[in-house]
Amino acid sequence: MTQASYYKHHIFFCLNQRDNGQASCAEHGAQEAFEHCKAQVKAAGLSGPGGVRVNKAGCLDRCAGGPVAVVYPEAVWYSFVDKADISEIVESHLKNGKPVERLLVPADVGR
């Protein structure tokens, strides 16, 4: 028996801040991107059960591609630069199910 997912899409934004001087997603507008995504999802009527959940995350261990976010259940990893990138992810992927190819983090990018 296959159980339906509670959310259609779940997006996690790395908001990690490193204190040791190493680069981290928090230094690259991750909090603002998270807030923009949450507002866009809500405005599009996509939030809630059966829709989209936008979550904060600690280090996702893909720092070299940062700032990063990941969409499940597809496990699609994104890097973004500004609010326009986030809006494109919401419209294309979260609303219409089509990943944004130009924003994908290459598979070999890690920490």
PDB file of N, CA and C in Angstrom:
ATOM      1  N   MET A   1       0.841  -1.187   0.000  1.00  0.00           N
ATOM      2  CA  MET A   1       0.000   0.000   0.000  1.00  0.00           C
ATOM      3  C   MET A   1       0.884   1.248   0.000  1.00  0.00           C
ATOM      4  N   THR A   2       0.636   2.159  -0.899  1.00  0.00           N
ATOM      5  CA  THR A   2       1.396   3.399  -0.983  1.00  0.00           C
ATOM      6  C   THR A   2       0.629   4.493  -0.258  1.00  0.00           C
ATOM      7  N   GLN A   3       1.326   5.165   0.629  1.00  0.00           N
ATOM      8  CA  GLN A   3       0.701   6.253   1.373  1.00  0.00           C
ATOM      9  C   GLN A   3       0.973   7.572   0.672  1.00  0.00           C
ATOM     10  N   ALA A   4      -0.068   8.355   0.483  1.00  0.00           N
ATOM     11  CA  ALA A   4       0.100   9.678  -0.133  1.00  0.00           C
ATOM     12  C   ALA A   4       0.888  10.585   0.807  1.00  0.00           C
ATOM     13  N   SER A   5       1.711  11.418   0.232  1.00  0.00           N
ATOM     14  CA  SER A   5       2.498  12.353   1.009  1.00  0.00           C
ATOM     15  C   SER A   5       1.590  13.431   1.606  1.00  0.00           C
ATOM     16  N   TYR A   6       1.913  13.875   2.810  1.00  0.00           N
ATOM     17  CA  TYR A   6       1.120  14.917   3.463  1.00  0.00           C
ATOM     18  C   TYR A   6       1.202  16.223   2.684  1.00  0.00           C
ATOM     19  N   TYR A   7       2.403  16.515   2.153  1.00  0.00           N
ATOM     20  CA  TYR A   7       2.611  17.692   1.307  1.00  0.00           C
ATOM     21  C   TYR A   7       2.973  17.223  -0.089  1.00  0.00           C
ATOM     22  N   LYS A   8       2.555  17.947  -1.084  1.00  0.00           N
ATOM     23  CA  LYS A   8       2.942  17.635  -2.457  1.00  0.00           C
ATOM     24  C   LYS A   8       4.427  17.952  -2.649  1.00  0.00           C
ATOM     25  N   HIS A   9       4.844  19.101  -2.120  1.00  0.00           N
ATOM     26  CA  HIS A   9       6.250  19.508  -2.166  1.00  0.00           C
ATOM     27  C   HIS A   9       6.643  20.053  -0.799  1.00  0.00           C
ATOM     28  N   HIS A  10       7.880  19.800  -0.432  1.00  0.00           N
ATOM     29  CA  HIS A  10       8.445  20.292   0.820  1.00  0.00           C
ATOM     30  C   HIS A  10       9.777  20.922   0.450  1.00  0.00           C
ATOM     31  N   ILE A  11       9.932  22.222   0.672  1.00  0.00           N
ATOM     32  CA  ILE A  11      11.190  22.893   0.328  1.00  0.00           C
ATOM     33  C   ILE A  11      11.890  23.344   1.602  1.00  0.00           C
ATOM     34  N   PHE A  12      13.165  22.986   1.691  1.00  0.00           N
ATOM     35  CA  PHE A  12      13.997  23.331   2.839  1.00  0.00           C
ATOM     36  C   PHE A  12      15.077  24.321   2.397  1.00  0.00           C
ATOM     37  N   PHE A  13      15.208  25.413   3.142  1.00  0.00           N
ATOM     38  CA  PHE A  13      16.243  26.413   2.888  1.00  0.00           C
ATOM     39  C   PHE A  13      17.317  26.302   3.954  1.00  0.00           C
ATOM     40  N   CYS A  14      18.571  26.132   3.532  1.00  0.00           N
ATOM     41  CA  CYS A  14      19.673  26.167   4.487  1.00  0.00           C
ATOM     42  C   CYS A  14      19.820  27.601   4.985  1.00  0.00           C
ATOM     43  N   LEU A  15      19.732  27.774   6.293  1.00  0.00           N
ATOM     44  CA  LEU A  15      19.914  29.093   6.906  1.00  0.00           C
ATOM     45  C   LEU A  15      21.133  29.100   7.825  1.00  0.00           C
ATOM     46  N   ASN A  16      22.024  28.129   7.623  1.00  0.00           N
ATOM     47  CA  ASN A  16      23.174  27.973   8.505  1.00  0.00           C
ATOM     48  C   ASN A  16      24.104  29.182   8.481  1.00  0.00           C
ATOM     49  N   GLN A  17      24.556  29.569   9.667  1.00  0.00           N
ATOM     50  CA  GLN A  17      25.524  30.656   9.841  1.00  0.00           C
ATOM     51  C   GLN A  17      26.746  30.073  10.536  1.00  0.00           C
ATOM     52  N   ARG A  18      27.885  30.133   9.892  1.00  0.00           N
ATOM     53  CA  ARG A  18      29.123  29.628  10.500  1.00  0.00           C
ATOM     54  C   ARG A  18      29.818  30.763  11.250  1.00  0.00           C
ATOM     55  N   ASP A  19      30.347  30.429  12.411  1.00  0.00           N
ATOM     56  CA  ASP A  19      31.043  31.431  13.224  1.00  0.00           C
ATOM     57  C   ASP A  19      32.555  31.412  13.001  1.00  0.00           C
ATOM     58  N   ASN A  20      33.046  30.429  12.261  1.00  0.00           N
ATOM     59  CA  ASN A  20      34.494  30.261  12.104  1.00  0.00           C
ATOM     60  C   ASN A  20      35.059  30.954  10.862  1.00  0.00           C
ATOM     61  N   GLY A  21      34.266  31.793  10.221  1.00  0.00           N
ATOM     62  CA  GLY A  21      34.753  32.517   9.062  1.00  0.00           C
ATOM     63  C   GLY A  21      34.553  31.808   7.735  1.00  0.00           C
ATOM     64  N   GLN A  22      34.105  30.544   7.772  1.00  0.00           N
ATOM     65  CA  GLN A  22      33.836  29.825   6.528  1.00  0.00           C
ATOM     66  C   GLN A  22      32.542  30.350   5.912  1.00  0.00           C
ATOM     67  N   ALA A  23      32.461  30.248   4.592  1.00  0.00           N
ATOM     68  CA  ALA A  23      31.256  30.691   3.884  1.00  0.00           C
ATOM     69  C   ALA A  23      30.049  29.883   4.338  1.00  0.00           C
ATOM     70  N   SER A  24      28.909  30.552   4.394  1.00  0.00           N
ATOM     71  CA  SER A  24      27.674  29.862   4.773  1.00  0.00           C
ATOM     72  C   SER A  24      26.491  30.502   4.061  1.00  0.00           C
ATOM     73  N   CYS A  25      25.423  29.739   3.947  1.00  0.00           N
ATOM     74  CA  CYS A  25      24.236  30.205   3.221  1.00  0.00           C
ATOM     75  C   CYS A  25      23.639  31.478   3.832  1.00  0.00           C
ATOM     76  N   ALA A  26      23.718  31.599   5.145  1.00  0.00           N
ATOM     77  CA  ALA A  26      23.145  32.771   5.817  1.00  0.00           C
ATOM     78  C   ALA A  26      23.770  34.075   5.334  1.00  0.00           C
ATOM     79  N   GLU A  27      25.032  34.012   4.886  1.00  0.00           N
ATOM     80  CA  GLU A  27      25.725  35.214   4.399  1.00  0.00           C
ATOM     81  C   GLU A  27      25.286  35.615   2.995  1.00  0.00           C
ATOM     82  N   HIS A  28      24.481  34.780   2.362  1.00  0.00           N
ATOM     83  CA  HIS A  28      24.096  35.015   0.969  1.00  0.00           C
ATOM     84  C   HIS A  28      22.596  35.199   0.793  1.00  0.00           C
ATOM     85  N   GLY A  29      21.940  35.802   1.771  1.00  0.00           N
ATOM     86  CA  GLY A  29      20.524  36.132   1.639  1.00  0.00           C
ATOM     87  C   GLY A  29      19.557  34.978   1.803  1.00  0.00           C
ATOM     88  N   ALA A  30      19.983  33.908   2.475  1.00  0.00           N
ATOM     89  CA  ALA A  30      19.124  32.734   2.619  1.00  0.00           C
ATOM     90  C   ALA A  30      17.850  33.034   3.419  1.00  0.00           C
ATOM     91  N   GLN A  31      17.957  33.833   4.475  1.00  0.00           N
ATOM     92  CA  GLN A  31      16.763  34.152   5.287  1.00  0.00           C
ATOM     93  C   GLN A  31      15.751  34.930   4.453  1.00  0.00           C
ATOM     94  N   GLU A  32      16.217  35.901   3.690  1.00  0.00           N
ATOM     95  CA  GLU A  32      15.322  36.691   2.840  1.00  0.00           C
ATOM     96  C   GLU A  32      14.676  35.814   1.769  1.00  0.00           C
ATOM     97  N   ALA A  33      15.452  34.881   1.219  1.00  0.00           N
ATOM     98  CA  ALA A  33      14.927  33.955   0.206  1.00  0.00           C
ATOM     99  C   ALA A  33      13.844  33.066   0.814  1.00  0.00           C
ATOM    100  N   PHE A  34      14.100  32.555   2.013  1.00  0.00           N
ATOM    101  CA  PHE A  34      13.123  31.731   2.726  1.00  0.00           C
ATOM    102  C   PHE A  34      11.817  32.505   2.925  1.00  0.00           C
ATOM    103  N   GLU A  35      11.932  33.738   3.429  1.00  0.00           N
ATOM    104  CA  GLU A  35      10.741  34.564   3.685  1.00  0.00           C
ATOM    105  C   GLU A  35       9.996  34.882   2.389  1.00  0.00           C
ATOM    106  N   HIS A  36      10.736  35.156   1.318  1.00  0.00           N
ATOM    107  CA  HIS A  36      10.117  35.452   0.028  1.00  0.00           C
ATOM    108  C   HIS A  36       9.379  34.214  -0.499  1.00  0.00           C
ATOM    109  N   CYS A  37      10.008  33.053  -0.385  1.00  0.00           N
ATOM    110  CA  CYS A  37       9.381  31.818  -0.840  1.00  0.00           C
ATOM    111  C   CYS A  37       8.093  31.550  -0.063  1.00  0.00           C
ATOM    112  N   LYS A  38       8.165  31.702   1.240  1.00  0.00           N
ATOM    113  CA  LYS A  38       6.989  31.463   2.084  1.00  0.00           C
ATOM    114  C   LYS A  38       5.841  32.399   1.676  1.00  0.00           C
ATOM    115  N   ALA A  39       6.144  33.659   1.440  1.00  0.00           N
ATOM    116  CA  ALA A  39       5.134  34.636   1.038  1.00  0.00           C
ATOM    117  C   ALA A  39       4.575  34.304  -0.351  1.00  0.00           C
ATOM    118  N   GLN A  40       5.443  33.899  -1.284  1.00  0.00           N
ATOM    119  CA  GLN A  40       5.006  33.554  -2.640  1.00  0.00           C
ATOM    120  C   GLN A  40       4.102  32.321  -2.638  1.00  0.00           C
ATOM    121  N   VAL A  41       4.473  31.312  -1.855  1.00  0.00           N
ATOM    122  CA  VAL A  41       3.676  30.084  -1.754  1.00  0.00           C
ATOM    123  C   VAL A  41       2.297  30.399  -1.182  1.00  0.00           C
ATOM    124  N   LYS A  42       2.282  31.219  -0.141  1.00  0.00           N
ATOM    125  CA  LYS A  42       1.004  31.596   0.475  1.00  0.00           C
ATOM    126  C   LYS A  42       0.146  32.405  -0.503  1.00  0.00           C
ATOM    127  N   ALA A  43       0.746  33.388  -1.168  1.00  0.00           N
ATOM    128  CA  ALA A  43       0.015  34.241  -2.112  1.00  0.00           C
ATOM    129  C   ALA A  43      -0.558  33.439  -3.276  1.00  0.00           C
ATOM    130  N   ALA A  44       0.139  32.357  -3.661  1.00  0.00           N
ATOM    131  CA  ALA A  44      -0.321  31.517  -4.775  1.00  0.00           C
ATOM    132  C   ALA A  44      -1.353  30.487  -4.335  1.00  0.00           C
ATOM    133  N   GLY A  45      -1.655  30.466  -3.025  1.00  0.00           N
ATOM    134  CA  GLY A  45      -2.634  29.506  -2.506  1.00  0.00           C
ATOM    135  C   GLY A  45      -2.118  28.075  -2.492  1.00  0.00           C
ATOM    136  N   LEU A  46      -0.783  27.922  -2.404  1.00  0.00           N
ATOM    137  CA  LEU A  46      -0.182  26.593  -2.461  1.00  0.00           C
ATOM    138  C   LEU A  46       0.138  25.997  -1.091  1.00  0.00           C
ATOM    139  N   SER A  47       0.024  26.777  -0.018  1.00  0.00           N
ATOM    140  CA  SER A  47       0.472  26.305   1.291  1.00  0.00           C
ATOM    141  C   SER A  47      -0.533  25.361   1.947  1.00  0.00           C
ATOM    142  N   GLY A  48      -0.013  24.542   2.849  1.00  0.00           N
ATOM    143  CA  GLY A  48      -0.867  23.660   3.639  1.00  0.00           C
ATOM    144  C   GLY A  48      -0.877  22.226   3.157  1.00  0.00           C
ATOM    145  N   PRO A  49      -1.597  21.364   3.881  1.00  0.00           N
ATOM    146  CA  PRO A  49      -1.682  19.945   3.536  1.00  0.00           C
ATOM    147  C   PRO A  49      -2.108  19.741   2.080  1.00  0.00           C
ATOM    148  N   GLY A  50      -1.425  18.833   1.400  1.00  0.00           N
ATOM    149  CA  GLY A  50      -1.704  18.582  -0.001  1.00  0.00           C
ATOM    150  C   GLY A  50      -1.034  19.582  -0.925  1.00  0.00           C
ATOM    151  N   GLY A  51      -0.380  20.579  -0.334  1.00  0.00           N
ATOM    152  CA  GLY A  51       0.276  21.629  -1.105  1.00  0.00           C
ATOM    153  C   GLY A  51       1.757  21.673  -0.816  1.00  0.00           C
ATOM    154  N   VAL A  52       2.230  22.854  -0.434  1.00  0.00           N
ATOM    155  CA  VAL A  52       3.662  23.089  -0.247  1.00  0.00           C
ATOM    156  C   VAL A  52       3.946  23.518   1.188  1.00  0.00           C
ATOM    157  N   ARG A  53       5.019  22.995   1.742  1.00  0.00           N
ATOM    158  CA  ARG A  53       5.515  23.409   3.053  1.00  0.00           C
ATOM    159  C   ARG A  53       6.898  24.005   2.849  1.00  0.00           C
ATOM    160  N   VAL A  54       7.117  25.206   3.376  1.00  0.00           N
ATOM    161  CA  VAL A  54       8.406  25.896   3.290  1.00  0.00           C
ATOM    162  C   VAL A  54       9.049  25.844   4.668  1.00  0.00           C
ATOM    163  N   ASN A  55      10.251  25.265   4.766  1.00  0.00           N
ATOM    164  CA  ASN A  55      10.909  25.075   6.054  1.00  0.00           C
ATOM    165  C   ASN A  55      12.320  25.622   6.089  1.00  0.00           C
ATOM    166  N   LYS A  56      12.728  26.022   7.290  1.00  0.00           N
ATOM    167  CA  LYS A  56      14.110  26.400   7.571  1.00  0.00           C
ATOM    168  C   LYS A  56      14.886  25.114   7.831  1.00  0.00           C
ATOM    169  N   ALA A  57      16.161  25.119   7.492  1.00  0.00           N
ATOM    170  CA  ALA A  57      17.024  23.982   7.790  1.00  0.00           C
ATOM    171  C   ALA A  57      18.379  24.500   8.250  1.00  0.00           C
ATOM    172  N   GLY A  58      19.072  23.669   8.980  1.00  0.00           N
ATOM    173  CA  GLY A  58      20.451  23.936   9.324  1.00  0.00           C
ATOM    174  C   GLY A  58      21.302  23.567   8.123  1.00  0.00           C
ATOM    175  N   CYS A  59      22.566  23.319   8.349  1.00  0.00           N
ATOM    176  CA  CYS A  59      23.483  23.000   7.253  1.00  0.00           C
ATOM    177  C   CYS A  59      23.005  21.765   6.488  1.00  0.00           C
ATOM    178  N   LEU A  60      22.916  21.917   5.177  1.00  0.00           N
ATOM    179  CA  LEU A  60      22.526  20.808   4.299  1.00  0.00           C
ATOM    180  C   LEU A  60      23.763  20.180   3.653  1.00  0.00           C
ATOM    181  N   ASP A  61      24.945  20.666   4.025  1.00  0.00           N
ATOM    182  CA  ASP A  61      26.231  20.104   3.633  1.00  0.00           C
ATOM    183  C   ASP A  61      26.520  20.188   2.135  1.00  0.00           C
ATOM    184  N   ARG A  62      26.001  21.229   1.495  1.00  0.00           N
ATOM    185  CA  ARG A  62      26.304  21.467   0.073  1.00  0.00           C
ATOM    186  C   ARG A  62      26.743  22.918  -0.078  1.00  0.00           C
ATOM    187  N   CYS A  63      27.558  23.347   0.861  1.00  0.00           N
ATOM    188  CA  CYS A  63      27.980  24.738   1.004  1.00  0.00           C
ATOM    189  C   CYS A  63      28.611  25.335  -0.254  1.00  0.00           C
ATOM    190  N   ALA A  64      29.353  24.526  -1.005  1.00  0.00           N
ATOM    191  CA  ALA A  64      30.029  25.038  -2.194  1.00  0.00           C
ATOM    192  C   ALA A  64      29.042  25.529  -3.251  1.00  0.00           C
ATOM    193  N   GLY A  65      27.794  25.100  -3.165  1.00  0.00           N
ATOM    194  CA  GLY A  65      26.775  25.540  -4.119  1.00  0.00           C
ATOM    195  C   GLY A  65      25.862  26.601  -3.548  1.00  0.00           C
ATOM    196  N   GLY A  66      26.171  27.057  -2.331  1.00  0.00           N
ATOM    197  CA  GLY A  66      25.279  27.925  -1.591  1.00  0.00           C
ATOM    198  C   GLY A  66      25.062  29.299  -2.166  1.00  0.00           C
ATOM    199  N   PRO A  67      23.956  29.901  -1.795  1.00  0.00           N
ATOM    200  CA  PRO A  67      22.946  29.376  -0.878  1.00  0.00           C
ATOM    201  C   PRO A  67      22.124  28.285  -1.569  1.00  0.00           C
ATOM    202  N   VAL A  68      21.682  27.299  -0.776  1.00  0.00           N
ATOM    203  CA  VAL A  68      20.952  26.174  -1.344  1.00  0.00           C
ATOM    204  C   VAL A  68      19.586  25.972  -0.685  1.00  0.00           C
ATOM    205  N   ALA A  69      18.724  25.333  -1.474  1.00  0.00           N
ATOM    206  CA  ALA A  69      17.417  24.866  -1.011  1.00  0.00           C
ATOM    207  C   ALA A  69      17.181  23.539  -1.706  1.00  0.00           C
ATOM    208  N   VAL A  70      16.388  22.671  -1.093  1.00  0.00           N
ATOM    209  CA  VAL A  70      16.091  21.377  -1.693  1.00  0.00           C
ATOM    210  C   VAL A  70      14.588  21.125  -1.631  1.00  0.00           C
ATOM    211  N   VAL A  71      14.044  20.607  -2.738  1.00  0.00           N
ATOM    212  CA  VAL A  71      12.618  20.312  -2.836  1.00  0.00           C
ATOM    213  C   VAL A  71      12.429  18.796  -2.801  1.00  0.00           C
ATOM    214  N   TYR A  72      11.593  18.361  -1.871  1.00  0.00           N
ATOM    215  CA  TYR A  72      11.216  16.948  -1.784  1.00  0.00           C
ATOM    216  C   TYR A  72       9.742  16.826  -2.124  1.00  0.00           C
ATOM    217  N   PRO A  73       9.285  15.689  -2.653  1.00  0.00           N
ATOM    218  CA  PRO A  73       9.952  14.396  -2.615  1.00  0.00           C
ATOM    219  C   PRO A  73      10.935  14.156  -3.752  1.00  0.00           C
ATOM    220  N   GLU A  74      11.089  15.075  -4.678  1.00  0.00           N
ATOM    221  CA  GLU A  74      11.959  14.842  -5.833  1.00  0.00           C
ATOM    222  C   GLU A  74      13.447  14.935  -5.527  1.00  0.00           C
ATOM    223  N   ALA A  75      13.823  15.521  -4.402  1.00  0.00           N
ATOM    224  CA  ALA A  75      15.230  15.735  -4.035  1.00  0.00           C
ATOM    225  C   ALA A  75      15.940  16.579  -5.095  1.00  0.00           C
ATOM    226  N   VAL A  76      15.307  17.686  -5.476  1.00  0.00           N
ATOM    227  CA  VAL A  76      15.873  18.617  -6.449  1.00  0.00           C
ATOM    228  C   VAL A  76      16.562  19.741  -5.678  1.00  0.00           C
ATOM    229  N   TRP A  77      17.865  19.901  -5.919  1.00  0.00           N
ATOM    230  CA  TRP A  77      18.680  20.886  -5.217  1.00  0.00           C
ATOM    231  C   TRP A  77      18.844  22.144  -6.049  1.00  0.00           C
ATOM    232  N   TYR A  78      18.611  23.284  -5.396  1.00  0.00           N
ATOM    233  CA  TYR A  78      18.726  24.576  -6.068  1.00  0.00           C
ATOM    234  C   TYR A  78      19.740  25.473  -5.393  1.00  0.00           C
ATOM    235  N   SER A  79      20.373  26.315  -6.215  1.00  0.00           N
ATOM    236  CA  SER A  79      21.131  27.456  -5.742  1.00  0.00           C
ATOM    237  C   SER A  79      20.405  28.668  -6.314  1.00  0.00           C
ATOM    238  N   PHE A  80      20.436  29.760  -5.598  1.00  0.00           N
ATOM    239  CA  PHE A  80      19.682  30.940  -6.040  1.00  0.00           C
ATOM    240  C   PHE A  80      20.475  32.197  -5.749  1.00  0.00           C
ATOM    241  N   VAL A  81      20.112  33.263  -6.456  1.00  0.00           N
ATOM    242  CA  VAL A  81      20.826  34.520  -6.280  1.00  0.00           C
ATOM    243  C   VAL A  81      19.918  35.595  -5.700  1.00  0.00           C
ATOM    244  N   ASP A  82      18.663  35.619  -6.137  1.00  0.00           N
ATOM    245  CA  ASP A  82      17.787  36.711  -5.720  1.00  0.00           C
ATOM    246  C   ASP A  82      16.321  36.253  -5.649  1.00  0.00           C
ATOM    247  N   LYS A  83      15.452  37.212  -5.342  1.00  0.00           N
ATOM    248  CA  LYS A  83      14.023  36.910  -5.205  1.00  0.00           C
ATOM    249  C   LYS A  83      13.410  36.425  -6.514  1.00  0.00           C
ATOM    250  N   ALA A  84      13.932  36.901  -7.643  1.00  0.00           N
ATOM    251  CA  ALA A  84      13.410  36.463  -8.943  1.00  0.00           C
ATOM    252  C   ALA A  84      13.647  34.959  -9.124  1.00  0.00           C
ATOM    253  N   ASP A  85      14.803  34.461  -8.675  1.00  0.00           N
ATOM    254  CA  ASP A  85      15.080  33.025  -8.746  1.00  0.00           C
ATOM    255  C   ASP A  85      14.072  32.245  -7.900  1.00  0.00           C
ATOM    256  N   ILE A  86      13.804  32.748  -6.705  1.00  0.00           N
ATOM    257  CA  ILE A  86      12.858  32.073  -5.814  1.00  0.00           C
ATOM    258  C   ILE A  86      11.463  32.077  -6.438  1.00  0.00           C
ATOM    259  N   SER A  87      11.050  33.200  -6.989  1.00  0.00           N
ATOM    260  CA  SER A  87       9.737  33.280  -7.638  1.00  0.00           C
ATOM    261  C   SER A  87       9.635  32.285  -8.788  1.00  0.00           C
ATOM    262  N   GLU A  88      10.732  32.105  -9.513  1.00  0.00           N
ATOM    263  CA  GLU A  88      10.743  31.157 -10.630  1.00  0.00           C
ATOM    264  C   GLU A  88      10.616  29.716 -10.119  1.00  0.00           C
ATOM    265  N   ILE A  89      11.278  29.396  -9.017  1.00  0.00           N
ATOM    266  CA  ILE A  89      11.162  28.065  -8.416  1.00  0.00           C
ATOM    267  C   ILE A  89       9.727  27.814  -7.973  1.00  0.00           C
ATOM    268  N   VAL A  90       9.116  28.803  -7.335  1.00  0.00           N
ATOM    269  CA  VAL A  90       7.726  28.654  -6.875  1.00  0.00           C
ATOM    270  C   VAL A  90       6.801  28.427  -8.059  1.00  0.00           C
ATOM    271  N   GLU A  91       6.893  29.273  -9.071  1.00  0.00           N
ATOM    272  CA  GLU A  91       5.995  29.187 -10.223  1.00  0.00           C
ATOM    273  C   GLU A  91       6.222  27.911 -11.038  1.00  0.00           C
ATOM    274  N   SER A  92       7.466  27.641 -11.382  1.00  0.00           N
ATOM    275  CA  SER A  92       7.760  26.522 -12.263  1.00  0.00           C
ATOM    276  C   SER A  92       7.693  25.166 -11.559  1.00  0.00           C
ATOM    277  N   HIS A  93       8.389  25.042 -10.442  1.00  0.00           N
ATOM    278  CA  HIS A  93       8.480  23.741  -9.779  1.00  0.00           C
ATOM    279  C   HIS A  93       7.350  23.488  -8.785  1.00  0.00           C
ATOM    280  N   LEU A  94       7.183  24.386  -7.830  1.00  0.00           N
ATOM    281  CA  LEU A  94       6.204  24.129  -6.776  1.00  0.00           C
ATOM    282  C   LEU A  94       4.766  24.218  -7.269  1.00  0.00           C
ATOM    283  N   LYS A  95       4.510  25.083  -8.230  1.00  0.00           N
ATOM    284  CA  LYS A  95       3.151  25.235  -8.755  1.00  0.00           C
ATOM    285  C   LYS A  95       2.886  24.301  -9.936  1.00  0.00           C
ATOM    286  N   ASN A  96       3.866  24.214 -10.860  1.00  0.00           N
ATOM    287  CA  ASN A  96       3.635  23.476 -12.104  1.00  0.00           C
ATOM    288  C   ASN A  96       4.429  22.175 -12.255  1.00  0.00           C
ATOM    289  N   GLY A  97       5.234  21.831 -11.231  1.00  0.00           N
ATOM    290  CA  GLY A  97       5.936  20.553 -11.247  1.00  0.00           C
ATOM    291  C   GLY A  97       7.120  20.449 -12.191  1.00  0.00           C
ATOM    292  N   LYS A  98       7.611  21.581 -12.697  1.00  0.00           N
ATOM    293  CA  LYS A  98       8.732  21.558 -13.643  1.00  0.00           C
ATOM    294  C   LYS A  98       9.962  22.204 -12.993  1.00  0.00           C
ATOM    295  N   PRO A  99      11.005  21.393 -12.671  1.00  0.00           N
ATOM    296  CA  PRO A  99      12.216  21.951 -12.065  1.00  0.00           C
ATOM    297  C   PRO A  99      12.844  23.036 -12.951  1.00  0.00           C
ATOM    298  N   VAL A 100      13.494  23.987 -12.302  1.00  0.00           N
ATOM    299  CA  VAL A 100      14.157  25.093 -13.001  1.00  0.00           C
ATOM    300  C   VAL A 100      15.596  24.668 -13.264  1.00  0.00           C
ATOM    301  N   GLU A 101      15.839  24.196 -14.483  1.00  0.00           N
ATOM    302  CA  GLU A 101      17.144  23.614 -14.849  1.00  0.00           C
ATOM    303  C   GLU A 101      18.319  24.552 -14.575  1.00  0.00           C
ATOM    304  N   ARG A 102      18.179  25.830 -14.881  1.00  0.00           N
ATOM    305  CA  ARG A 102      19.318  26.753 -14.765  1.00  0.00           C
ATOM    306  C   ARG A 102      19.753  26.993 -13.317  1.00  0.00           C
ATOM    307  N   LEU A 103      18.912  26.642 -12.346  1.00  0.00           N
ATOM    308  CA  LEU A 103      19.230  26.872 -10.943  1.00  0.00           C
ATOM    309  C   LEU A 103      19.657  25.605 -10.202  1.00  0.00           C
ATOM    310  N   LEU A 104      19.738  24.480 -10.907  1.00  0.00           N
ATOM    311  CA  LEU A 104      20.092  23.213 -10.253  1.00  0.00           C
ATOM    312  C   LEU A 104      21.539  23.217  -9.782  1.00  0.00           C
ATOM    313  N   VAL A 105      21.763  22.644  -8.606  1.00  0.00           N
ATOM    314  CA  VAL A 105      23.112  22.466  -8.063  1.00  0.00           C
ATOM    315  C   VAL A 105      23.669  21.204  -8.707  1.00  0.00           C
ATOM    316  N   PRO A 106      24.846  21.262  -9.334  1.00  0.00           N
ATOM    317  CA  PRO A 106      25.438  20.061  -9.930  1.00  0.00           C
ATOM    318  C   PRO A 106      25.577  18.949  -8.893  1.00  0.00           C
ATOM    319  N   ALA A 107      25.378  17.719  -9.326  1.00  0.00           N
ATOM    320  CA  ALA A 107      25.381  16.561  -8.429  1.00  0.00           C
ATOM    321  C   ALA A 107      26.670  16.396  -7.619  1.00  0.00           C
ATOM    322  N   ASP A 108      27.800  16.841  -8.160  1.00  0.00           N
ATOM    323  CA  ASP A 108      29.074  16.648  -7.487  1.00  0.00           C
ATOM    324  C   ASP A 108      29.453  17.760  -6.507  1.00  0.00           C
ATOM    325  N   VAL A 109      28.602  18.774  -6.374  1.00  0.00           N
ATOM    326  CA  VAL A 109      28.906  19.888  -5.475  1.00  0.00           C
ATOM    327  C   VAL A 109      28.546  19.503  -4.043  1.00  0.00           C
ATOM    328  N   GLY A 110      29.527  19.576  -3.170  1.00  0.00           N
ATOM    329  CA  GLY A 110      29.297  19.241  -1.770  1.00  0.00           C
ATOM    330  C   GLY A 110      29.675  20.390  -0.872  1.00  0.00           C
ATOM    331  N   ARG A 111      30.435  20.084   0.128  1.00  0.00           N
ATOM    332  CA  ARG A 111      30.825  21.083   1.102  1.00  0.00           C
ATOM    333  C   ARG A 111      32.056  21.804   0.614  1.00  0.00           C
TER     334      ARG A 111
END
